[in-house]
Amino acid sequence: MLQKVVRSTVIDAPIERVWAVIRDFNSHDQWHDVVEASRIEGGEASSQVGCVRSFSLRDGNRIREQLLTLDDREHKSTYCIVEATVPLQHYVATVTLKPVTDGDRTFWHWESTFATPPGQERELREMVARDVYEAGFANLRRHLQQGADLRAPGGAAMPGALPVPAQRIVVATPGDATQLRAEDTLVAAPGPGEVRIRQRAIGVNFIDVYLRRGWIPAMMGPGGTPGMEAAGAVLDVGDGVTGLLPGDRVAYLGPAPGAYASVRNVPAAWVVRLPPAIEHDVAAAWLLKGLTADYLLRDLGRVRAGTRVLVHAAAGGVGLMVCAMARRLGASLIGTVSSEAKARVAREFGCEHVIVTDDYRFADAVQRTCGGADLIIDGLGRAARDENLAALARRGHWVSLGQASGPLDAIAPDLLLHKSATMSRPVVFDYVDTRAALTERTDRLWQQLSARDWKAPPLERFTLHAAADAHARLESRRSVGALVLVA
């Protein structure tokens, strides 16, 4: 007959802080007194479903357990005993956390079912309830109170706050997508002016590909972690940080890579609050792309009714956001795409004219269609250089935003002279370099993303550990819309 043990408690800490400990399948030797030592077999990540942890108890028993499920949205995990010297047979346990809004605390529910040898039912039920569950509750409270979740006045982390186990993606050596590797790490308590964030979703952008390939060595070298934007919840904050509290839903973008991680410390100046209507994956997918589209159209292009805008990769993340925003400003949109399927998507999001080309030839079609582009938004780079010059209208402005086909060759000023054309190579971070600018642009973006008439562009989701697959998808030219990593 199967036995069942159920225990619940309330932990005086935010759910994100508690989950950061619980979700690490190999952390229990750090906080549970009955565990002497633990390791994950085969070198797998401790959050990898299917991984096996092998650990010894202080009483001499040994246990091997397997992670069966891990759900970051529901804060829930399930595991089973694979092998043990303790006679718990067919043991399956589930841990579930729920937020308690009163005081920002956490409800922790822990239950298991198992069989026992005849005559040992009561003994083993009491052992699981008392020595595993109830002791675990007390141990984790003490673990958090030793510094990891103590708060100074104003919400700052107290001195001695504990590191948080996390996973991150690193580039082993510059190269293709196979160079992206997952590794376990510890994220220290936030320093002065910093925020420690449990990241739920991370945006994937072409700059991440450039960093992985080694094209921008001054920004990131071998062993570095890509990623410029993410969304999640505040775990804790460092000295001097005001206006952000544990549990707050936030997003950020910044000029230093490192976002491909489950937990990260970032400067508070990068961080913005998320409105209730904006989900983490939506924010991570569109924050950098949306703010890029905002400054391109408003600051550089000064787009108004009738402005002729040529958007390359019009069915990509930046392309679709530019199309959606430009249409609201009354622009006339021409887009280039690599397939008929993408052309349909581009039209759906506002492109009046779509040019399908897989060989970077489009200038003649642009000139025939509208007489030249007043504004070109170009993420293609080297292969489209001469065609962009030919596609410009008189006094047109060419924004070189990326280099998907390779770094752009040098352009002599005289090449722009015959059309009185101009060119720029902007970086989004210079357009959100003050709190006022960041707030103004993000407020505009949140309003657009939550508007009733807003049609959400396609969004592809990958797990953090599938970052290589996300990069391969992005580079394949088959992706439509935005890509995010879910941590």
Protein backbone atom coordinates (compact mmCIF):
# COMPACT_ATOMS: atom_id res chain seq x y z
CA MET A 1 0.00 0.00 0.00
CA LEU A 2 1.37 3.40 -0.97
CA GLN A 3 2.11 5.84 1.83
CA LYS A 4 1.63 9.59 1.45
CA VAL A 5 3.34 12.39 3.34
CA VAL A 6 2.24 16.02 2.96
CA ARG A 7 3.74 19.04 4.70
CA SER A 8 3.37 22.78 4.04
CA THR A 9 4.77 25.95 5.53
CA VAL A 10 5.25 29.67 4.88
CA ILE A 11 8.77 31.01 4.37
CA ASP A 12 9.38 34.66 5.19
CA ALA A 13 11.12 35.45 1.89
CA PRO A 14 10.03 36.34 -1.67
CA ILE A 15 9.11 33.41 -3.88
CA GLU A 16 11.87 34.20 -6.37
CA ARG A 17 14.48 34.01 -3.63
CA VAL A 18 13.18 30.68 -2.32
CA TRP A 19 12.83 29.24 -5.83
CA ALA A 20 16.38 30.25 -6.72
CA VAL A 21 17.54 27.80 -4.04
CA ILE A 22 14.95 25.05 -4.52
CA ARG A 23 15.21 24.85 -8.32
CA ASP A 24 18.91 23.97 -8.04
CA PHE A 25 18.67 20.19 -7.76
CA ASN A 26 22.15 20.05 -6.28
CA SER A 27 21.88 22.76 -3.62
CA HIS A 28 20.47 20.72 -0.74
CA ASP A 29 23.89 19.91 0.71
CA GLN A 30 24.26 23.67 1.29
CA TRP A 31 21.10 24.12 3.33
CA HIS A 32 19.69 20.75 4.50
CA ASP A 33 21.44 19.39 7.61
CA VAL A 34 20.77 15.71 6.84
CA VAL A 35 22.78 15.89 3.59
CA GLU A 36 26.53 15.50 3.85
CA ALA A 37 27.62 15.78 0.20
CA SER A 38 25.97 15.81 -3.22
CA ARG A 39 26.89 15.82 -6.90
CA ILE A 40 25.12 15.69 -10.26
CA GLU A 41 26.15 12.65 -12.25
CA GLY A 42 27.58 12.93 -15.75
CA GLY A 43 28.43 16.63 -15.45
CA GLU A 44 24.88 17.70 -16.36
CA ALA A 45 23.40 21.01 -15.23
CA SER A 46 21.50 20.79 -11.94
CA SER A 47 18.39 22.21 -13.61
CA GLN A 48 18.44 19.75 -16.52
CA VAL A 49 15.33 17.58 -16.43
CA GLY A 50 16.47 13.97 -16.24
CA CYS A 51 19.68 14.71 -14.34
CA VAL A 52 20.56 12.43 -11.40
CA ARG A 53 21.94 13.65 -8.10
CA SER A 54 23.92 11.25 -5.95
CA PHE A 55 24.23 12.22 -2.31
CA SER A 56 25.17 10.85 1.07
CA LEU A 57 23.37 11.46 4.35
CA ARG A 58 25.06 12.18 7.64
CA ASP A 59 23.72 8.87 9.02
CA GLY A 60 25.67 6.94 6.35
CA ASN A 61 22.83 6.23 3.90
CA ARG A 62 23.23 6.97 0.19
CA ILE A 63 20.53 8.03 -2.27
CA ARG A 64 20.31 8.66 -6.03
CA GLU A 65 17.39 10.84 -7.17
CA GLN A 66 16.30 11.96 -10.64
CA LEU A 67 14.73 15.30 -11.58
CA LEU A 68 11.52 14.53 -13.47
CA THR A 69 9.98 17.97 -14.04
CA LEU A 70 10.97 21.59 -13.49
CA ASP A 71 8.45 24.37 -14.10
CA ASP A 72 9.69 27.91 -13.53
CA ARG A 73 6.32 29.45 -14.26
CA GLU A 74 4.52 27.34 -11.66
CA HIS A 75 7.53 27.15 -9.31
CA LYS A 76 7.15 23.39 -9.21
CA SER A 77 9.51 20.41 -9.45
CA THR A 78 9.09 16.65 -9.25
CA TYR A 79 11.74 14.04 -8.54
CA CYS A 80 12.00 10.34 -7.72
CA ILE A 81 14.38 7.98 -5.96
CA VAL A 82 16.32 5.84 -8.42
CA GLU A 83 18.36 3.93 -5.86
CA ALA A 84 18.75 4.17 -2.10
CA THR A 85 19.95 2.34 0.99
CA VAL A 86 16.85 3.73 2.74
CA PRO A 87 13.88 1.36 2.07
CA LEU A 88 11.65 3.95 0.35
CA GLN A 89 10.20 2.19 -2.68
CA HIS A 90 8.67 3.90 -5.75
CA TYR A 91 9.30 7.25 -4.06
CA VAL A 92 8.04 10.29 -6.00
CA ALA A 93 8.03 13.78 -4.46
CA THR A 94 6.72 17.17 -5.60
CA VAL A 95 7.71 20.61 -4.37
CA THR A 96 5.40 23.54 -5.15
CA LEU A 97 5.83 27.20 -4.21
CA LYS A 98 3.09 29.84 -4.25
CA PRO A 99 3.40 33.58 -3.52
CA VAL A 100 1.85 34.96 -0.35
CA THR A 101 1.00 38.57 -1.10
CA ASP A 102 0.82 39.53 2.58
CA GLY A 103 4.41 40.50 3.31
CA ASP A 104 5.81 39.06 0.09
CA ARG A 105 6.28 35.60 1.59
CA THR A 106 6.27 32.11 0.08
CA PHE A 107 3.93 29.15 0.65
CA TRP A 108 5.88 25.90 0.29
CA HIS A 109 4.03 22.62 -0.27
CA TRP A 110 6.01 19.37 -0.22
CA GLU A 111 4.48 15.94 -0.69
CA SER A 112 5.50 12.41 -1.65
CA THR A 113 4.16 8.92 -2.17
CA PHE A 114 6.14 5.74 -1.60
CA ALA A 115 5.91 2.10 -0.59
CA THR A 116 7.68 0.51 2.38
CA PRO A 117 8.55 -2.96 3.64
CA PRO A 118 5.75 -4.43 5.78
CA GLY A 119 5.79 -3.15 9.33
CA GLN A 120 7.88 -0.04 8.58
CA GLU A 121 5.07 2.18 7.30
CA ARG A 122 4.78 4.44 10.36
CA GLU A 123 8.51 4.64 10.99
CA LEU A 124 9.30 5.73 7.44
CA ARG A 125 6.34 8.13 7.19
CA GLU A 126 7.55 9.90 10.31
CA MET A 127 11.13 9.89 9.09
CA VAL A 128 10.16 11.59 5.80
CA ALA A 129 7.81 14.06 7.50
CA ARG A 130 10.07 14.99 10.41
CA ASP A 131 13.65 14.52 9.23
CA VAL A 132 13.24 15.46 5.57
CA TYR A 133 10.33 17.89 5.19
CA GLU A 134 9.98 19.66 8.55
CA ALA A 135 13.73 19.78 9.07
CA GLY A 136 14.11 21.05 5.51
CA PHE A 137 11.71 23.91 6.17
CA ALA A 138 13.67 24.95 9.26
CA ASN A 139 17.02 24.53 7.53
CA LEU A 140 16.07 26.68 4.56
CA ARG A 141 14.75 29.43 6.84
CA ARG A 142 18.07 29.46 8.64
CA HIS A 143 19.97 29.39 5.34
CA LEU A 144 18.11 32.48 4.11
CA GLN A 145 18.42 34.28 7.44
CA GLN A 146 22.18 33.86 7.46
CA GLY A 147 22.33 36.73 5.00
CA ALA A 148 20.84 35.70 1.71
CA ASP A 149 17.55 37.46 2.32
CA LEU A 150 18.08 39.82 5.24
CA ARG A 151 17.10 43.33 4.25
CA ALA A 152 18.64 46.61 5.22
CA PRO A 153 16.40 49.68 5.47
CA GLY A 154 15.21 50.55 1.97
CA GLY A 155 15.51 46.98 0.70
CA ALA A 156 19.28 46.74 0.22
CA ALA A 157 21.07 43.45 0.67
CA MET A 158 22.75 43.09 4.05
CA PRO A 159 26.52 42.52 4.23
CA GLY A 160 27.27 38.83 3.90
CA ALA A 161 24.34 38.06 1.61
CA LEU A 162 24.82 34.63 0.08
CA PRO A 163 25.59 33.80 -3.56
CA VAL A 164 22.75 32.29 -5.58
CA PRO A 165 23.27 29.13 -7.70
CA ALA A 166 22.59 29.78 -11.38
CA GLN A 167 23.23 28.56 -14.90
CA ARG A 168 24.77 30.55 -17.71
CA ILE A 169 25.79 30.07 -21.34
CA VAL A 170 29.39 30.75 -22.31
CA VAL A 171 31.21 30.89 -25.63
CA ALA A 172 33.98 28.29 -25.38
CA THR A 173 35.89 29.82 -28.29
CA PRO A 174 34.76 32.15 -31.10
CA GLY A 175 32.97 30.19 -33.79
CA ASP A 176 29.66 28.66 -34.76
CA ALA A 177 26.65 27.97 -32.55
CA THR A 178 28.14 24.74 -31.20
CA GLN A 179 30.55 26.88 -29.16
CA LEU A 180 27.72 27.87 -26.81
CA ARG A 181 28.03 25.77 -23.64
CA ALA A 182 25.98 25.64 -20.43
CA GLU A 183 27.70 25.79 -17.06
CA ASP A 184 26.75 26.13 -13.40
CA THR A 185 27.84 29.25 -11.55
CA LEU A 186 27.23 31.28 -8.40
CA VAL A 187 25.93 34.85 -8.59
CA ALA A 188 27.18 36.99 -5.72
CA ALA A 189 25.03 39.40 -3.75
CA PRO A 190 24.41 42.65 -5.64
CA GLY A 191 26.99 45.35 -5.14
CA PRO A 192 26.29 49.05 -4.61
CA GLY A 193 23.89 50.32 -7.26
CA GLU A 194 23.14 46.80 -8.53
CA VAL A 195 20.06 44.61 -8.76
CA ARG A 196 20.15 40.81 -8.62
CA ILE A 197 17.50 39.43 -10.98
CA ARG A 198 16.05 35.95 -11.39
CA GLN A 199 15.68 35.98 -15.16
CA ARG A 200 12.63 34.42 -16.78
CA ALA A 201 13.31 35.25 -20.44
CA ILE A 202 16.31 36.53 -22.39
CA GLY A 203 16.17 38.26 -25.75
CA VAL A 204 18.16 36.81 -28.66
CA ASN A 205 19.63 39.40 -31.05
CA PHE A 206 22.10 39.39 -33.92
CA ILE A 207 24.65 41.20 -31.75
CA ASP A 208 24.77 37.98 -29.71
CA VAL A 209 25.79 36.14 -32.88
CA TYR A 210 28.48 38.73 -33.62
CA LEU A 211 29.85 38.32 -30.10
CA ARG A 212 29.84 34.53 -30.42
CA ARG A 213 31.71 34.73 -33.72
CA GLY A 214 34.35 36.98 -32.13
CA TRP A 215 33.57 39.98 -34.34
CA ILE A 216 33.54 42.41 -31.39
CA PRO A 217 36.46 41.23 -29.20
CA ALA A 218 36.58 44.49 -27.25
CA MET A 219 33.09 43.72 -25.93
CA MET A 220 33.42 39.98 -25.22
CA GLY A 221 36.18 37.43 -25.46
CA PRO A 222 36.34 33.62 -25.15
CA GLY A 223 34.56 32.33 -22.08
CA GLY A 224 32.17 35.26 -22.08
CA THR A 225 28.39 35.15 -21.83
CA PRO A 226 26.34 36.81 -24.62
CA GLY A 227 23.01 38.58 -24.24
CA MET A 228 22.05 42.24 -23.90
CA GLU A 229 18.50 42.11 -22.49
CA ALA A 230 16.26 40.04 -20.23
CA ALA A 231 13.18 40.12 -18.04
CA GLY A 232 12.42 38.53 -14.69
CA ALA A 233 11.94 39.35 -11.01
CA VAL A 234 14.11 41.18 -8.49
CA LEU A 235 15.77 38.92 -5.93
CA ASP A 236 17.48 41.68 -3.95
CA VAL A 237 19.22 45.02 -4.41
CA GLY A 238 22.51 46.56 -3.41
CA ASP A 239 23.25 49.66 -1.39
CA GLY A 240 21.96 52.90 -2.82
CA VAL A 241 19.22 51.32 -4.93
CA THR A 242 15.77 52.81 -4.44
CA GLY A 243 12.43 52.16 -6.12
CA LEU A 244 12.97 48.42 -6.64
CA LEU A 245 11.97 45.68 -4.20
CA PRO A 246 12.27 41.88 -4.11
CA GLY A 247 9.60 40.30 -6.28
CA ASP A 248 9.21 43.29 -8.61
CA ARG A 249 8.70 42.30 -12.24
CA VAL A 250 11.37 44.01 -14.32
CA ALA A 251 13.19 44.09 -17.64
CA TYR A 252 16.51 45.59 -18.66
CA LEU A 253 18.90 46.21 -21.52
CA GLY A 254 22.51 47.27 -21.23
CA PRO A 255 25.74 47.80 -23.16
CA ALA A 256 27.62 44.92 -21.49
CA PRO A 257 26.80 41.32 -22.47
CA GLY A 258 26.00 38.61 -19.95
CA ALA A 259 22.23 38.10 -20.13
CA TYR A 260 22.29 34.40 -21.13
CA ALA A 261 21.92 33.31 -17.50
CA SER A 262 19.23 32.32 -15.03
CA VAL A 263 20.38 34.90 -12.45
CA ARG A 264 22.36 38.09 -13.07
CA ASN A 265 23.47 41.26 -11.32
CA VAL A 266 22.99 44.43 -13.39
CA PRO A 267 23.18 48.16 -12.68
CA ALA A 268 19.87 49.50 -11.42
CA ALA A 269 20.14 52.25 -14.06
CA TRP A 270 19.44 49.63 -16.75
CA VAL A 271 16.27 48.31 -15.10
CA VAL A 272 12.65 49.25 -15.79
CA ARG A 273 9.46 47.94 -14.21
CA LEU A 274 7.12 45.74 -16.20
CA PRO A 275 3.42 46.64 -16.37
CA PRO A 276 1.10 43.79 -15.33
CA ALA A 277 -0.11 43.35 -18.91
CA ILE A 278 3.38 42.62 -20.30
CA GLU A 279 4.65 39.05 -19.93
CA HIS A 280 8.33 38.34 -19.30
CA ASP A 281 8.91 36.70 -22.68
CA VAL A 282 7.24 39.57 -24.54
CA ALA A 283 9.37 42.13 -22.70
CA ALA A 284 12.60 40.21 -23.31
CA ALA A 285 11.75 39.73 -26.98
CA TRP A 286 10.86 43.33 -27.78
CA LEU A 287 12.60 45.70 -25.35
CA LEU A 288 15.84 46.19 -27.28
CA LYS A 289 14.14 45.85 -30.66
CA GLY A 290 11.31 48.19 -29.72
CA LEU A 291 13.59 50.91 -28.36
CA THR A 292 15.77 50.52 -31.46
CA ALA A 293 12.76 51.05 -33.72
CA ASP A 294 11.71 54.03 -31.61
CA TYR A 295 14.94 56.00 -32.00
CA LEU A 296 15.40 54.95 -35.64
CA LEU A 297 12.03 56.36 -36.65
CA ARG A 298 11.73 59.31 -34.30
CA ASP A 299 15.29 60.54 -33.87
CA LEU A 300 17.22 59.52 -36.98
CA GLY A 301 14.51 59.12 -39.61
CA ARG A 302 12.14 61.81 -38.30
CA VAL A 303 9.46 59.74 -39.94
CA ARG A 304 6.12 61.34 -40.70
CA ALA A 305 3.24 60.74 -43.09
CA GLY A 306 4.58 59.84 -46.53
CA THR A 307 8.17 59.12 -45.52
CA ARG A 308 9.48 56.30 -47.74
CA VAL A 309 11.11 53.71 -45.48
CA LEU A 310 13.02 50.68 -46.77
CA VAL A 311 13.33 47.96 -44.11
CA HIS A 312 15.62 44.99 -44.69
CA ALA A 313 14.75 41.64 -43.09
CA ALA A 314 11.25 43.03 -42.72
CA ALA A 315 9.92 39.79 -41.20
CA GLY A 316 12.62 39.67 -38.53
CA GLY A 317 12.38 41.03 -35.01
CA VAL A 318 13.56 44.59 -35.60
CA GLY A 319 11.93 44.61 -39.04
CA LEU A 320 8.44 43.79 -37.77
CA MET A 321 8.72 46.27 -34.93
CA VAL A 322 9.85 49.00 -37.34
CA CYS A 323 6.96 48.17 -39.67
CA ALA A 324 4.38 48.31 -36.89
CA MET A 325 5.67 51.61 -35.50
CA ALA A 326 6.27 53.25 -38.88
CA ARG A 327 2.74 52.50 -40.05
CA ARG A 328 1.38 54.30 -37.00
CA LEU A 329 3.43 57.32 -38.05
CA GLY A 330 2.00 57.21 -41.59
CA ALA A 331 5.14 56.06 -43.40
CA SER A 332 5.16 54.30 -46.76
CA LEU A 333 6.93 50.98 -46.19
CA ILE A 334 9.00 48.82 -48.53
CA GLY A 335 10.48 45.63 -47.12
CA THR A 336 12.96 43.03 -48.29
CA VAL A 337 12.61 39.39 -47.28
CA SER A 338 14.12 36.08 -48.34
CA SER A 339 10.95 34.06 -49.03
CA GLU A 340 7.31 34.34 -50.04
CA ALA A 341 6.25 33.07 -46.62
CA LYS A 342 8.09 35.97 -44.98
CA ALA A 343 6.60 38.36 -47.51
CA ARG A 344 3.12 37.45 -46.28
CA VAL A 345 4.13 38.21 -42.71
CA ALA A 346 5.72 41.53 -43.67
CA ARG A 347 2.56 42.61 -45.48
CA GLU A 348 0.48 41.58 -42.49
CA PHE A 349 2.50 43.98 -40.32
CA GLY A 350 2.33 47.00 -42.58
CA CYS A 351 4.65 46.65 -45.57
CA GLU A 352 2.90 48.06 -48.65
CA HIS A 353 5.56 46.72 -51.01
CA VAL A 354 7.66 43.61 -50.35
CA ILE A 355 10.68 42.56 -52.38
CA VAL A 356 11.59 38.88 -52.21
CA THR A 357 15.31 38.40 -52.78
CA ASP A 358 17.91 35.93 -51.66
CA ASP A 359 20.84 37.59 -53.46
CA TYR A 360 20.69 41.09 -51.90
CA ARG A 361 19.47 42.76 -55.11
CA PHE A 362 16.68 45.24 -54.51
CA ALA A 363 17.73 48.75 -55.62
CA ASP A 364 16.03 48.72 -59.02
CA ALA A 365 12.77 47.50 -57.51
CA VAL A 366 12.87 50.23 -54.83
CA GLN A 367 13.48 52.95 -57.42
CA ARG A 368 10.66 51.65 -59.62
CA THR A 369 8.26 51.36 -56.70
CA CYS A 370 8.71 54.69 -54.97
CA GLY A 371 11.56 56.64 -56.56
CA GLY A 372 14.03 55.81 -53.80
CA ALA A 373 14.01 55.49 -50.03
CA ASP A 374 14.13 58.46 -47.67
CA LEU A 375 15.24 56.15 -44.89
CA ILE A 376 16.95 52.76 -45.16
CA ILE A 377 17.17 50.54 -42.09
CA ASP A 378 19.86 48.02 -42.87
CA GLY A 379 20.91 45.05 -40.79
CA LEU A 380 22.38 43.15 -43.74
CA GLY A 381 25.85 44.68 -43.87
CA ARG A 382 28.51 43.95 -46.46
CA ALA A 383 26.48 42.15 -49.15
CA ALA A 384 23.90 44.97 -49.43
CA ARG A 385 26.33 47.92 -49.43
CA ASP A 386 26.18 48.98 -53.07
CA GLU A 387 22.47 48.20 -53.42
CA ASN A 388 21.69 50.44 -50.45
CA LEU A 389 23.55 53.33 -52.03
CA ALA A 390 21.62 52.80 -55.26
CA ALA A 391 18.27 52.52 -53.46
CA LEU A 392 18.57 55.84 -51.62
CA ALA A 393 16.48 58.83 -52.65
CA ARG A 394 18.04 62.29 -52.84
CA ARG A 395 18.79 63.52 -49.31
CA GLY A 396 18.07 59.99 -48.12
CA HIS A 397 19.50 58.65 -44.89
CA TRP A 398 21.01 55.17 -44.62
CA VAL A 399 21.15 53.62 -41.12
CA SER A 400 23.63 50.75 -40.96
CA LEU A 401 22.31 48.81 -37.99
CA GLY A 402 23.89 45.37 -38.32
CA GLN A 403 26.11 43.09 -40.35
CA ALA A 404 24.32 39.78 -40.86
CA SER A 405 26.19 39.17 -44.14
CA GLY A 406 29.52 40.41 -42.77
CA PRO A 407 31.12 43.64 -41.55
CA LEU A 408 30.49 46.65 -43.75
CA ASP A 409 33.39 47.78 -45.93
CA ALA A 410 34.59 51.34 -45.59
CA ILE A 411 32.50 53.94 -47.43
CA ALA A 412 34.17 56.98 -48.90
CA PRO A 413 32.29 60.25 -48.26
CA ASP A 414 32.19 60.96 -51.99
CA LEU A 415 29.90 57.95 -52.49
CA LEU A 416 27.21 59.88 -50.59
CA LEU A 417 27.90 63.17 -52.31
CA HIS A 418 26.01 62.73 -55.56
CA LYS A 419 22.67 62.28 -53.72
CA SER A 420 23.42 64.54 -50.77
CA ALA A 421 22.85 61.34 -48.80
CA THR A 422 23.77 60.76 -45.17
CA MET A 423 24.68 57.66 -43.23
CA SER A 424 24.84 56.69 -39.57
CA ARG A 425 26.00 53.75 -37.46
CA PRO A 426 24.01 54.16 -34.22
CA VAL A 427 23.91 52.09 -31.03
CA VAL A 428 20.68 51.89 -29.05
CA PHE A 429 22.38 52.37 -25.67
CA ASP A 430 23.37 55.94 -26.56
CA TYR A 431 19.68 56.74 -27.00
CA VAL A 432 18.72 55.51 -23.52
CA ASP A 433 21.73 56.87 -21.66
CA THR A 434 19.64 58.88 -19.19
CA ARG A 435 16.86 57.72 -16.91
CA ALA A 436 14.48 60.18 -18.55
CA ALA A 437 15.21 58.86 -22.06
CA LEU A 438 14.92 55.22 -20.99
CA THR A 439 11.63 55.85 -19.20
CA GLU A 440 10.13 57.86 -22.06
CA ARG A 441 10.96 55.23 -24.68
CA THR A 442 9.94 52.22 -22.59
CA ASP A 443 6.65 53.87 -21.64
CA ARG A 444 5.91 54.33 -25.33
CA LEU A 445 6.83 50.71 -26.02
CA TRP A 446 4.72 49.28 -23.19
CA GLN A 447 1.75 51.30 -24.41
CA GLN A 448 2.13 49.91 -27.90
CA LEU A 449 2.58 46.31 -26.74
CA SER A 450 -0.54 46.48 -24.58
CA ALA A 451 -2.73 48.47 -27.00
CA ARG A 452 -5.98 46.81 -28.04
CA ASP A 453 -5.20 47.13 -31.72
CA TRP A 454 -1.66 45.80 -31.33
CA LYS A 455 -1.05 42.56 -33.20
CA ALA A 456 1.77 40.68 -31.53
CA PRO A 457 4.51 39.57 -33.95
CA PRO A 458 5.55 35.91 -33.92
CA LEU A 459 7.69 34.80 -30.99
CA GLU A 460 9.83 31.64 -30.88
CA ARG A 461 10.86 30.27 -27.49
CA PHE A 462 13.89 28.11 -26.63
CA THR A 463 15.17 26.97 -23.26
CA LEU A 464 18.33 28.58 -21.95
CA HIS A 465 20.22 25.35 -22.53
CA ALA A 466 19.07 25.36 -26.17
CA ALA A 467 20.80 28.68 -26.90
CA ALA A 468 22.80 27.00 -29.68
CA ASP A 469 19.56 25.96 -31.38
CA ALA A 470 18.24 29.51 -31.11
CA HIS A 471 21.40 30.90 -32.74
CA ALA A 472 21.26 28.33 -35.51
CA ARG A 473 17.64 29.25 -36.13
CA LEU A 474 18.43 32.97 -36.25
CA GLU A 475 21.32 32.48 -38.65
CA SER A 476 19.33 30.17 -40.92
CA ARG A 477 17.28 33.13 -42.25
CA ARG A 478 14.18 30.98 -41.64
CA SER A 479 13.10 32.63 -38.39
CA VAL A 480 10.20 35.07 -38.33
CA GLY A 481 9.75 37.65 -35.58
CA ALA A 482 11.69 37.45 -32.34
CA LEU A 483 13.47 34.65 -30.45
CA VAL A 484 13.78 34.33 -26.68
CA LEU A 485 15.48 31.98 -24.26
CA VAL A 486 13.33 30.86 -21.32
CA ALA A 487 15.38 30.37 -18.14
